[in-house]
N, C-alpha and C. Protein backbone atom coordinates (compact mmCIF):
# COMPACT_ATOMS: atom_id res chain seq x y z
N MET A 1 0.73 -0.96 -0.07
CA MET A 1 -0.09 0.30 -0.09
C MET A 1 0.54 1.30 0.02
N LEU A 2 0.57 2.53 -0.89
CA LEU A 2 1.67 3.15 -0.80
C LEU A 2 0.86 4.30 -0.10
N GLN A 3 1.42 4.77 0.70
CA GLN A 3 0.76 6.08 1.48
C GLN A 3 1.59 6.97 1.56
N LYS A 4 0.77 8.58 1.68
CA LYS A 4 2.39 9.24 1.05
C LYS A 4 0.96 11.03 2.41
N SER A 5 1.68 10.82 2.89
CA SER A 5 0.88 12.95 3.99
C SER A 5 1.38 14.12 3.72
N ASP A 6 0.61 14.99 2.57
CA ASP A 6 0.97 16.55 2.55
C ASP A 6 -0.54 17.06 3.27
N GLU A 7 0.44 18.61 3.48
CA GLU A 7 -0.49 19.12 4.60
C GLU A 7 -1.69 19.57 4.06
N GLY A 8 -2.32 18.69 3.51
CA GLY A 8 -4.28 19.33 2.96
C GLY A 8 -5.08 18.51 4.01
N LYS A 9 -6.36 18.88 4.00
CA LYS A 9 -7.16 18.11 5.33
C LYS A 9 -7.52 17.24 5.54
N LEU A 10 -6.44 16.41 5.49
CA LEU A 10 -6.53 14.91 6.25
C LEU A 10 -4.53 15.03 6.07
N LYS A 11 -4.36 14.23 7.25
CA LYS A 11 -2.88 13.95 7.68
C LYS A 11 -2.57 12.34 8.39
N ILE A 12 -1.45 12.06 7.63
CA ILE A 12 -1.99 10.66 8.25
C ILE A 12 -0.69 10.67 9.55
N ILE A 13 -1.81 9.95 10.29
CA ILE A 13 -0.34 10.09 11.72
C ILE A 13 -0.30 8.49 12.16
N GLY A 14 -1.11 7.56 12.12
CA GLY A 14 -0.49 6.27 11.86
C GLY A 14 -0.50 5.46 11.34
N SER A 15 0.11 4.15 10.84
CA SER A 15 0.29 3.35 9.89
C SER A 15 0.64 1.91 10.33
N THR A 16 0.33 0.99 10.35
CA THR A 16 0.96 -0.19 10.10
C THR A 16 0.43 -1.42 9.38
N THR A 17 1.17 -2.20 8.98
CA THR A 17 0.73 -3.85 7.82
C THR A 17 1.46 -4.68 8.77
N GLN A 18 0.96 -5.24 8.50
CA GLN A 18 1.23 -6.92 9.63
C GLN A 18 0.61 -8.18 7.86
N SER A 19 1.54 -9.47 8.26
CA SER A 19 1.55 -10.18 6.94
C SER A 19 1.56 -11.24 7.89
N ASP A 20 0.01 -12.29 7.54
CA ASP A 20 0.13 -13.47 9.09
C ASP A 20 0.61 -14.66 8.26
N GLY A 21 1.86 -14.93 7.42
CA GLY A 21 2.69 -15.70 6.89
C GLY A 21 1.99 -17.18 6.84
N THR A 22 0.82 -17.51 7.42
CA THR A 22 -0.28 -18.19 7.62
C THR A 22 0.20 -19.34 6.47
N ASN A 23 -0.71 -18.92 4.86
CA ASN A 23 -0.41 -20.10 3.95
C ASN A 23 1.77 -20.44 3.42
N SER A 24 2.89 -19.30 3.56
CA SER A 24 3.55 -19.13 3.20
C SER A 24 3.90 -20.94 4.45
N TYR A 25 3.38 -20.85 6.01
CA TYR A 25 4.30 -21.96 6.21
C TYR A 25 3.84 -22.93 6.26
N ASN A 26 2.15 -23.28 6.29
CA ASN A 26 1.01 -24.93 5.81
C ASN A 26 2.05 -24.75 4.32
N LYS A 27 2.62 -23.76 3.04
CA LYS A 27 3.09 -24.93 1.74
C LYS A 27 4.00 -25.47 2.65
N ILE A 28 5.43 -24.34 2.77
CA ILE A 28 6.67 -24.72 3.65
C ILE A 28 6.44 -26.12 4.23
N ASN A 29 5.47 -26.66 4.69
CA ASN A 29 5.23 -28.70 6.17
C ASN A 29 4.42 -29.02 5.44
N ASN A 30 3.90 -28.55 3.98
CA ASN A 30 3.00 -29.71 2.79
C ASN A 30 1.74 -29.54 3.90
N ILE A 31 0.28 -28.30 4.50
CA ILE A 31 -0.37 -28.68 5.28
C ILE A 31 -1.50 -27.43 4.34
N ASP A 32 -2.32 -29.05 4.34
CA ASP A 32 -3.82 -28.03 3.46
C ASP A 32 -4.59 -27.92 3.98
N SER A 33 -4.47 -26.16 4.48
CA SER A 33 -5.94 -25.63 4.69
C SER A 33 -5.92 -24.32 4.10
N GLU A 34 -6.58 -23.84 4.60
CA GLU A 34 -7.35 -22.23 3.94
C GLU A 34 -7.82 -21.09 5.07
N LEU A 35 -7.47 -19.83 5.35
CA LEU A 35 -8.48 -19.21 6.51
C LEU A 35 -9.73 -18.96 5.97
N ASP A 36 -9.98 -19.23 7.48
CA ASP A 36 -11.32 -18.51 7.96
C ASP A 36 -11.52 -17.31 7.89
N ALA A 37 -12.96 -17.26 7.32
CA ALA A 37 -13.26 -15.45 8.29
C ALA A 37 -13.29 -15.07 9.29
N LEU A 38 -12.99 -16.06 10.49
CA LEU A 38 -13.27 -15.58 11.82
C LEU A 38 -11.35 -15.34 11.92
N THR A 39 -10.21 -16.10 11.49
CA THR A 39 -9.33 -16.02 11.55
C THR A 39 -8.33 -14.42 10.95
N ILE A 40 -9.46 -14.56 9.76
CA ILE A 40 -9.39 -12.94 8.81
C ILE A 40 -9.43 -12.44 9.69
N ALA A 41 -10.67 -11.65 9.92
CA ALA A 41 -11.43 -11.18 11.55
C ALA A 41 -10.79 -10.63 12.26
N LYS A 42 -9.90 -11.86 13.30
CA LYS A 42 -9.21 -11.54 14.20
C LYS A 42 -7.80 -11.24 13.61
N THR A 43 -6.91 -11.10 12.84
CA THR A 43 -5.75 -10.92 12.68
C THR A 43 -6.09 -8.61 12.13
N GLY A 44 -7.15 -8.95 11.36
CA GLY A 44 -7.59 -7.57 10.63
C GLY A 44 -7.89 -6.70 11.97
N SER A 45 -8.07 -7.19 13.05
CA SER A 45 -8.92 -6.47 14.09
C SER A 45 -7.98 -5.91 14.58
N LYS A 46 -6.75 -7.10 15.27
CA LYS A 46 -5.71 -6.39 16.21
C LYS A 46 -4.83 -5.94 15.40
N THR A 47 -4.81 -5.22 14.03
CA THR A 47 -4.04 -4.50 12.77
C THR A 47 -4.69 -3.11 13.18
N MET A 48 -5.84 -2.93 12.93
CA MET A 48 -6.83 -1.64 13.63
C MET A 48 -6.45 -1.31 14.78
N LYS A 49 -6.52 -2.03 15.84
CA LYS A 49 -6.59 -2.09 17.38
C LYS A 49 -4.72 -1.48 17.38
N LYS A 50 -4.15 -2.22 16.53
CA LYS A 50 -1.93 -2.19 17.66
C LYS A 50 -2.16 -0.47 16.23
N VAL A 51 -2.70 0.24 15.17
CA VAL A 51 -1.91 1.76 14.80
C VAL A 51 -2.66 2.29 15.67
N LEU A 52 -3.97 1.83 16.41
CA LEU A 52 -5.25 3.39 17.01
C LEU A 52 -3.68 2.96 18.48
N GLU A 53 -2.88 1.74 19.89
CA GLU A 53 -2.19 2.42 20.32
C GLU A 53 -1.11 2.83 20.17
N GLN A 54 -0.52 2.75 18.80
CA GLN A 54 0.69 3.21 18.53
C GLN A 54 0.40 4.43 18.40
N GLU A 55 -0.71 5.68 18.93
CA GLU A 55 -1.23 6.75 18.44
C GLU A 55 -1.99 6.94 19.35
N ASN A 56 -2.19 6.52 20.84
CA ASN A 56 -2.75 6.78 21.64
C ASN A 56 -3.52 6.84 21.26
N ILE A 57 -4.81 6.69 20.90
CA ILE A 57 -6.27 6.60 20.36
C ILE A 57 -7.27 5.87 20.75
N LYS A 58 -8.09 6.15 21.26
CA LYS A 58 -9.02 4.90 21.70
C LYS A 58 -10.25 4.44 20.20
N ILE A 59 -10.43 3.37 20.28
CA ILE A 59 -11.29 2.72 18.90
C ILE A 59 -12.93 4.06 19.42
N THR A 60 -13.13 4.89 20.72
CA THR A 60 -14.58 5.86 20.57
C THR A 60 -13.94 6.79 20.24
N ASP A 61 -12.70 6.97 19.60
CA ASP A 61 -12.32 8.21 19.25
C ASP A 61 -12.64 8.37 17.81
N LEU A 62 -12.95 7.44 17.10
CA LEU A 62 -12.82 7.06 15.78
C LEU A 62 -14.07 8.07 14.87
N LEU A 63 -13.92 8.56 14.21
CA LEU A 63 -15.19 9.51 13.75
C LEU A 63 -16.00 8.18 12.56
N LYS A 64 -15.24 6.84 11.88
CA LYS A 64 -15.57 6.42 10.78
C LYS A 64 -14.78 5.55 10.78
N ILE A 65 -14.51 4.68 10.95
CA ILE A 65 -13.77 3.16 10.16
C ILE A 65 -14.36 2.99 8.30
N ILE A 66 -12.86 3.52 7.12
CA ILE A 66 -13.73 3.24 5.93
C ILE A 66 -12.63 1.92 5.46
N PRO A 67 -13.77 0.72 5.21
CA PRO A 67 -12.53 -0.42 4.57
C PRO A 67 -12.95 -0.38 3.18
N GLN A 68 -12.73 -1.80 2.85
CA GLN A 68 -12.77 -2.24 1.12
C GLN A 68 -14.21 -2.45 1.40
N ASN A 69 -14.47 -2.91 0.25
CA ASN A 69 -15.69 -3.16 -0.32
C ASN A 69 -15.66 -4.86 -0.02
N ILE A 70 -15.26 -5.80 0.65
CA ILE A 70 -15.67 -7.01 0.38
C ILE A 70 -16.15 -8.33 0.47
N ASN A 71 -16.99 -7.75 2.54
CA ASN A 71 -17.76 -8.38 3.15
C ASN A 71 -18.38 -8.03 3.93
N ALA A 72 -19.84 -7.35 3.86
CA ALA A 72 -20.00 -6.75 4.66
C ALA A 72 -20.25 -7.88 6.29
N PHE A 73 -21.14 -9.00 5.25
CA PHE A 73 -21.36 -9.79 7.14
C PHE A 73 -20.00 -9.88 7.89
N ALA A 74 -19.25 -9.64 7.18
CA ALA A 74 -17.64 -9.99 7.98
C ALA A 74 -17.66 -8.62 9.10
N TYR A 75 -17.76 -7.12 8.32
CA TYR A 75 -17.99 -6.22 9.22
C TYR A 75 -18.60 -6.37 10.28
N GLU A 76 -20.35 -6.18 9.89
CA GLU A 76 -20.89 -6.39 10.66
C GLU A 76 -21.42 -7.25 11.72
N LYS A 77 -20.74 -8.04 11.70
CA LYS A 77 -20.78 -9.53 12.54
C LYS A 77 -19.80 -9.69 13.11
N LEU A 78 -18.56 -9.79 12.54
CA LEU A 78 -17.64 -10.19 13.14
C LEU A 78 -16.61 -9.48 13.62
N TYR A 79 -16.29 -7.97 12.91
CA TYR A 79 -15.71 -6.99 13.58
C TYR A 79 -16.17 -6.07 14.38
N THR A 80 -17.47 -6.20 14.07
CA THR A 80 -17.90 -4.93 15.14
C THR A 80 -17.80 -6.27 16.27
N SER A 81 -18.35 -7.07 16.80
CA SER A 81 -18.15 -8.45 17.75
C SER A 81 -16.74 -8.13 18.64
N LEU A 82 -14.95 -8.29 17.61
CA LEU A 82 -14.15 -8.69 17.95
C LEU A 82 -13.66 -7.22 18.42
N LEU A 83 -13.72 -5.67 17.89
CA LEU A 83 -13.51 -4.73 18.02
C LEU A 83 -14.47 -3.90 18.96
N LYS A 84 -15.76 -4.87 19.61
CA LYS A 84 -17.42 -4.03 20.30
C LYS A 84 -17.39 -3.05 20.29
N ILE A 85 -17.40 -2.56 18.70
CA ILE A 85 -18.07 -1.91 18.43
C ILE A 85 -19.53 -1.76 17.24
N ASP A 86 -20.30 -0.89 17.47
CA ASP A 86 -21.24 -0.50 16.67
C ASP A 86 -21.39 -0.78 15.08
N LYS A 87 -22.05 -1.78 13.78
CA LYS A 87 -21.92 -1.71 13.17
C LYS A 87 -21.22 -0.72 12.02
N ASN A 88 -22.32 0.97 12.89
CA ASN A 88 -22.25 1.96 11.87
C ASN A 88 -21.17 2.85 11.94
N LEU A 89 -19.86 2.31 13.06
CA LEU A 89 -18.96 3.08 12.77
C LEU A 89 -17.83 2.44 11.45
N PHE A 90 -18.54 1.64 10.98
CA PHE A 90 -17.90 1.28 9.99
C PHE A 90 -18.81 2.28 8.43
N PHE A 91 -18.05 2.69 7.27
CA PHE A 91 -18.42 2.95 6.06
C PHE A 91 -18.62 2.11 4.49
N LEU A 92 -19.99 1.16 4.95
CA LEU A 92 -20.52 -0.11 4.39
C LEU A 92 -21.66 0.48 2.74
N LYS A 93 -21.60 1.58 3.06
CA LYS A 93 -23.30 1.91 2.02
C LYS A 93 -22.26 1.08 0.56
N ASN A 94 -21.18 1.30 0.04
CA ASN A 94 -20.62 1.25 -0.92
C ASN A 94 -20.12 -0.33 -1.59
N ILE A 95 -20.44 -1.39 -0.96
CA ILE A 95 -20.32 -2.48 -1.31
C ILE A 95 -21.60 -3.03 -2.24
N PRO A 96 -22.38 -2.61 -1.72
CA PRO A 96 -23.25 -3.74 -2.76
C PRO A 96 -22.91 -2.89 -3.60
N ASN A 97 -22.61 -1.89 -4.57
CA ASN A 97 -22.67 -0.88 -5.17
C ASN A 97 -20.57 -1.56 -6.42
N GLY A 98 -20.52 -2.68 -5.56
CA GLY A 98 -19.38 -3.39 -6.02
C GLY A 98 -17.42 -2.52 -5.55
N GLY A 99 -16.50 -2.62 -6.55
CA GLY A 99 -15.68 -2.05 -6.30
C GLY A 99 -14.20 -3.07 -6.30
N HIS A 100 -13.23 -3.41 -5.89
CA HIS A 100 -12.12 -3.47 -5.14
C HIS A 100 -11.81 -3.61 -6.78
N LEU A 101 -11.30 -2.67 -7.60
CA LEU A 101 -10.36 -2.96 -8.50
C LEU A 101 -9.09 -2.37 -8.08
N GLY A 102 -8.43 -3.05 -7.64
CA GLY A 102 -6.60 -2.85 -7.72
C GLY A 102 -6.67 -1.74 -6.60
N ASP A 103 -7.64 -2.01 -5.58
CA ASP A 103 -8.30 -1.33 -4.21
C ASP A 103 -8.44 0.20 -4.19
N VAL A 104 -9.09 0.11 -5.37
CA VAL A 104 -9.78 1.91 -5.20
C VAL A 104 -10.62 1.91 -3.87
N ASP A 105 -11.30 0.75 -3.24
CA ASP A 105 -12.15 0.93 -2.65
C ASP A 105 -11.75 1.89 -2.31
N LEU A 106 -11.07 1.38 -0.99
CA LEU A 106 -10.60 2.79 0.36
C LEU A 106 -10.88 4.48 -0.49
N ILE A 107 -9.85 4.67 -1.18
CA ILE A 107 -9.93 6.16 -1.29
C ILE A 107 -11.67 6.40 -1.92
N ARG A 108 -11.98 5.35 -2.62
CA ARG A 108 -13.25 5.56 -3.56
C ARG A 108 -14.48 6.03 -2.20
N ASN A 109 -14.50 4.72 -1.59
CA ASN A 109 -14.91 5.36 0.18
C ASN A 109 -15.02 6.60 0.90
N LEU A 110 -13.50 6.34 1.05
CA LEU A 110 -13.40 7.90 1.66
C LEU A 110 -14.02 9.16 1.15
N THR A 111 -14.09 9.48 -0.34
CA THR A 111 -14.58 10.59 -0.70
C THR A 111 -15.41 10.90 -0.77
N ASP A 112 -16.27 9.35 -0.83
CA ASP A 112 -17.88 8.83 -1.29
C ASP A 112 -18.95 9.29 0.45
N TYR A 113 -17.92 9.34 1.37
CA TYR A 113 -18.15 8.83 2.81
C TYR A 113 -18.09 10.73 3.15
N PHE A 114 -16.51 11.60 2.79
CA PHE A 114 -16.87 13.06 2.30
C PHE A 114 -18.21 13.40 1.80
N GLY A 115 -18.22 13.38 1.00
CA GLY A 115 -19.45 13.93 -0.30
C GLY A 115 -20.81 13.43 0.40
N GLU A 116 -21.15 12.74 1.58
CA GLU A 116 -22.14 12.07 1.88
C GLU A 116 -22.46 13.19 3.12
N LEU A 117 -21.15 13.47 3.87
CA LEU A 117 -21.31 14.20 5.23
C LEU A 117 -21.22 15.77 4.55
N GLU A 118 -21.18 16.04 3.58
CA GLU A 118 -21.26 17.57 2.45
C GLU A 118 -22.59 17.35 2.21
N PHE A 119 -23.13 16.16 1.49
CA PHE A 119 -24.45 16.53 1.31
C PHE A 119 -26.01 16.64 2.27
N GLN A 120 -25.39 15.98 2.94
CA GLN A 120 -25.74 16.64 4.44
C GLN A 120 -25.90 17.48 4.84
N GLN A 121 -24.71 17.67 5.21
CA GLN A 121 -24.24 19.27 5.75
C GLN A 121 -24.28 18.67 6.84
N LEU A 122 -23.47 18.15 7.34
CA LEU A 122 -23.17 17.64 8.77
C LEU A 122 -21.40 18.82 8.89
N PRO A 123 -21.24 19.46 9.41
CA PRO A 123 -19.79 19.41 9.12
C PRO A 123 -19.21 19.14 10.27
N LEU A 124 -17.66 18.96 10.27
CA LEU A 124 -16.65 18.06 10.65
C LEU A 124 -16.01 18.92 11.68
N LYS A 125 -16.01 17.88 13.02
CA LYS A 125 -15.62 18.64 13.77
C LYS A 125 -14.05 19.23 13.95
N GLU A 126 -13.37 19.77 14.09
CA GLU A 126 -11.63 19.83 14.24
C GLU A 126 -10.57 18.36 14.79
N CYS A 127 -10.13 18.12 13.86
CA CYS A 127 -9.15 16.91 14.60
C CYS A 127 -10.32 15.09 14.44
N GLU A 128 -11.23 15.67 13.83
CA GLU A 128 -12.21 13.56 13.51
C GLU A 128 -10.09 13.04 13.63
N ASN A 129 -10.73 12.16 13.94
CA ASN A 129 -9.70 10.81 13.11
C ASN A 129 -10.59 9.50 12.59
N ILE A 130 -9.97 9.11 11.59
CA ILE A 130 -10.62 8.00 10.22
C ILE A 130 -10.14 6.98 10.68
N LEU A 131 -10.35 6.18 10.13
CA LEU A 131 -8.87 5.19 10.10
C LEU A 131 -9.38 4.37 8.29
N LEU A 132 -8.64 3.98 8.48
CA LEU A 132 -9.10 2.53 6.93
C LEU A 132 -8.07 1.64 6.93
N TYR A 133 -8.67 1.17 6.36
CA TYR A 133 -8.65 -0.76 6.62
C TYR A 133 -8.80 -1.40 5.52
N GLY A 134 -7.62 -1.84 4.86
CA GLY A 134 -7.82 -3.08 4.09
C GLY A 134 -6.99 -4.70 4.44
N MET A 135 -6.88 -5.17 3.23
CA MET A 135 -6.62 -6.36 3.97
C MET A 135 -6.86 -7.03 2.32
N GLY A 136 -5.77 -8.41 2.15
CA GLY A 136 -5.58 -8.90 0.40
C GLY A 136 -4.49 -9.37 0.64
N GLY A 137 -4.57 -10.52 -1.32
CA GLY A 137 -3.00 -11.05 -1.17
C GLY A 137 -3.83 -11.70 -1.73
N PRO A 138 -2.85 -12.23 -3.13
CA PRO A 138 -3.15 -13.23 -4.10
C PRO A 138 -3.73 -14.46 -3.21
N GLU A 139 -4.59 -15.32 -4.64
CA GLU A 139 -4.96 -16.13 -3.71
C GLU A 139 -4.50 -17.73 -3.32
N GLY A 140 -4.13 -17.55 -1.88
CA GLY A 140 -3.19 -19.06 -2.19
C GLY A 140 -1.78 -18.24 -1.73
N LYS A 141 -1.94 -17.43 -1.28
CA LYS A 141 -0.67 -16.77 -0.83
C LYS A 141 -0.86 -15.93 0.97
N ASP A 142 -0.22 -15.26 1.70
CA ASP A 142 -0.53 -14.62 3.00
C ASP A 142 -0.61 -13.36 2.60
N LYS A 143 -1.91 -13.40 3.43
CA LYS A 143 -2.48 -12.15 3.71
C LYS A 143 -2.46 -11.39 4.57
N ASN A 144 -2.41 -10.17 3.55
CA ASN A 144 -1.77 -8.84 4.67
C ASN A 144 -2.70 -8.49 4.65
N TYR A 145 -2.99 -7.58 6.05
CA TYR A 145 -3.31 -6.30 7.22
C TYR A 145 -2.56 -5.24 6.87
N HIS A 146 -3.58 -3.83 6.80
CA HIS A 146 -3.30 -2.81 6.45
C HIS A 146 -4.63 -1.77 7.33
N ALA A 147 -3.85 -0.59 8.21
CA ALA A 147 -4.99 0.26 8.85
C ALA A 147 -3.92 1.70 9.03
N ILE A 148 -3.98 2.97 8.42
CA ILE A 148 -3.95 4.15 8.21
C ILE A 148 -4.98 5.13 9.24
N LEU A 149 -3.69 5.54 10.09
CA LEU A 149 -4.93 6.61 10.67
C LEU A 149 -4.55 7.99 10.43
N LEU A 150 -5.86 8.64 9.62
CA LEU A 150 -5.83 9.82 9.79
C LEU A 150 -7.02 10.95 10.71
N LYS A 151 -6.38 12.24 10.34
CA LYS A 151 -6.75 13.36 10.85
C LYS A 151 -7.39 13.91 9.55
N TYR A 152 -8.57 14.61 10.58
CA TYR A 152 -9.05 15.80 9.85
C TYR A 152 -8.92 17.34 10.37
N ASN A 153 -8.11 18.18 9.73
CA ASN A 153 -7.91 19.34 10.64
C ASN A 153 -8.15 20.18 8.93
N ALA A 154 -9.22 21.23 9.43
CA ALA A 154 -10.02 21.90 9.20
C ALA A 154 -9.48 23.09 8.85
N GLN A 155 -8.00 23.47 9.60
CA GLN A 155 -6.98 24.65 9.75
C GLN A 155 -6.08 24.57 8.26
N LEU A 156 -5.77 22.74 8.27
CA LEU A 156 -4.66 22.92 6.38
C LEU A 156 -5.51 22.95 5.71
N ASN A 157 -4.32 23.31 4.57
CA ASN A 157 -4.83 23.58 3.21
C ASN A 157 -4.50 23.26 2.09
């Protein structure tokens, strides 16, 4: 995942990434297995918690979590249970509309979320925290998990 932080209204204040190594380990040891959704959600939840802990921010301090358009059920049931949050903290509006082409989901979803706030004329408070979350990896390879913590600052141009 390429990331950059210019002095715009959103600033990257933290990020983390990890690979679970599971499929590589299993292949080397000739173990036939597939990661299940709960295992993936557990690792993804740990990744999100890690970036928040690094920046000393509580999950309740997030305005929104912007994920990839992968699986609404996983976000609504698994991730919310593991993170102990309400499903409305996730921006899931675009999942039925498809996406996930070259992982453009995160940027599209972030843009659409801000457009939705603007359309509803909902102002953002100074220094709101937003978390971007993505995961993936080619089939049969290790899963990679990414979390980027953004801070909104209306004073920046």
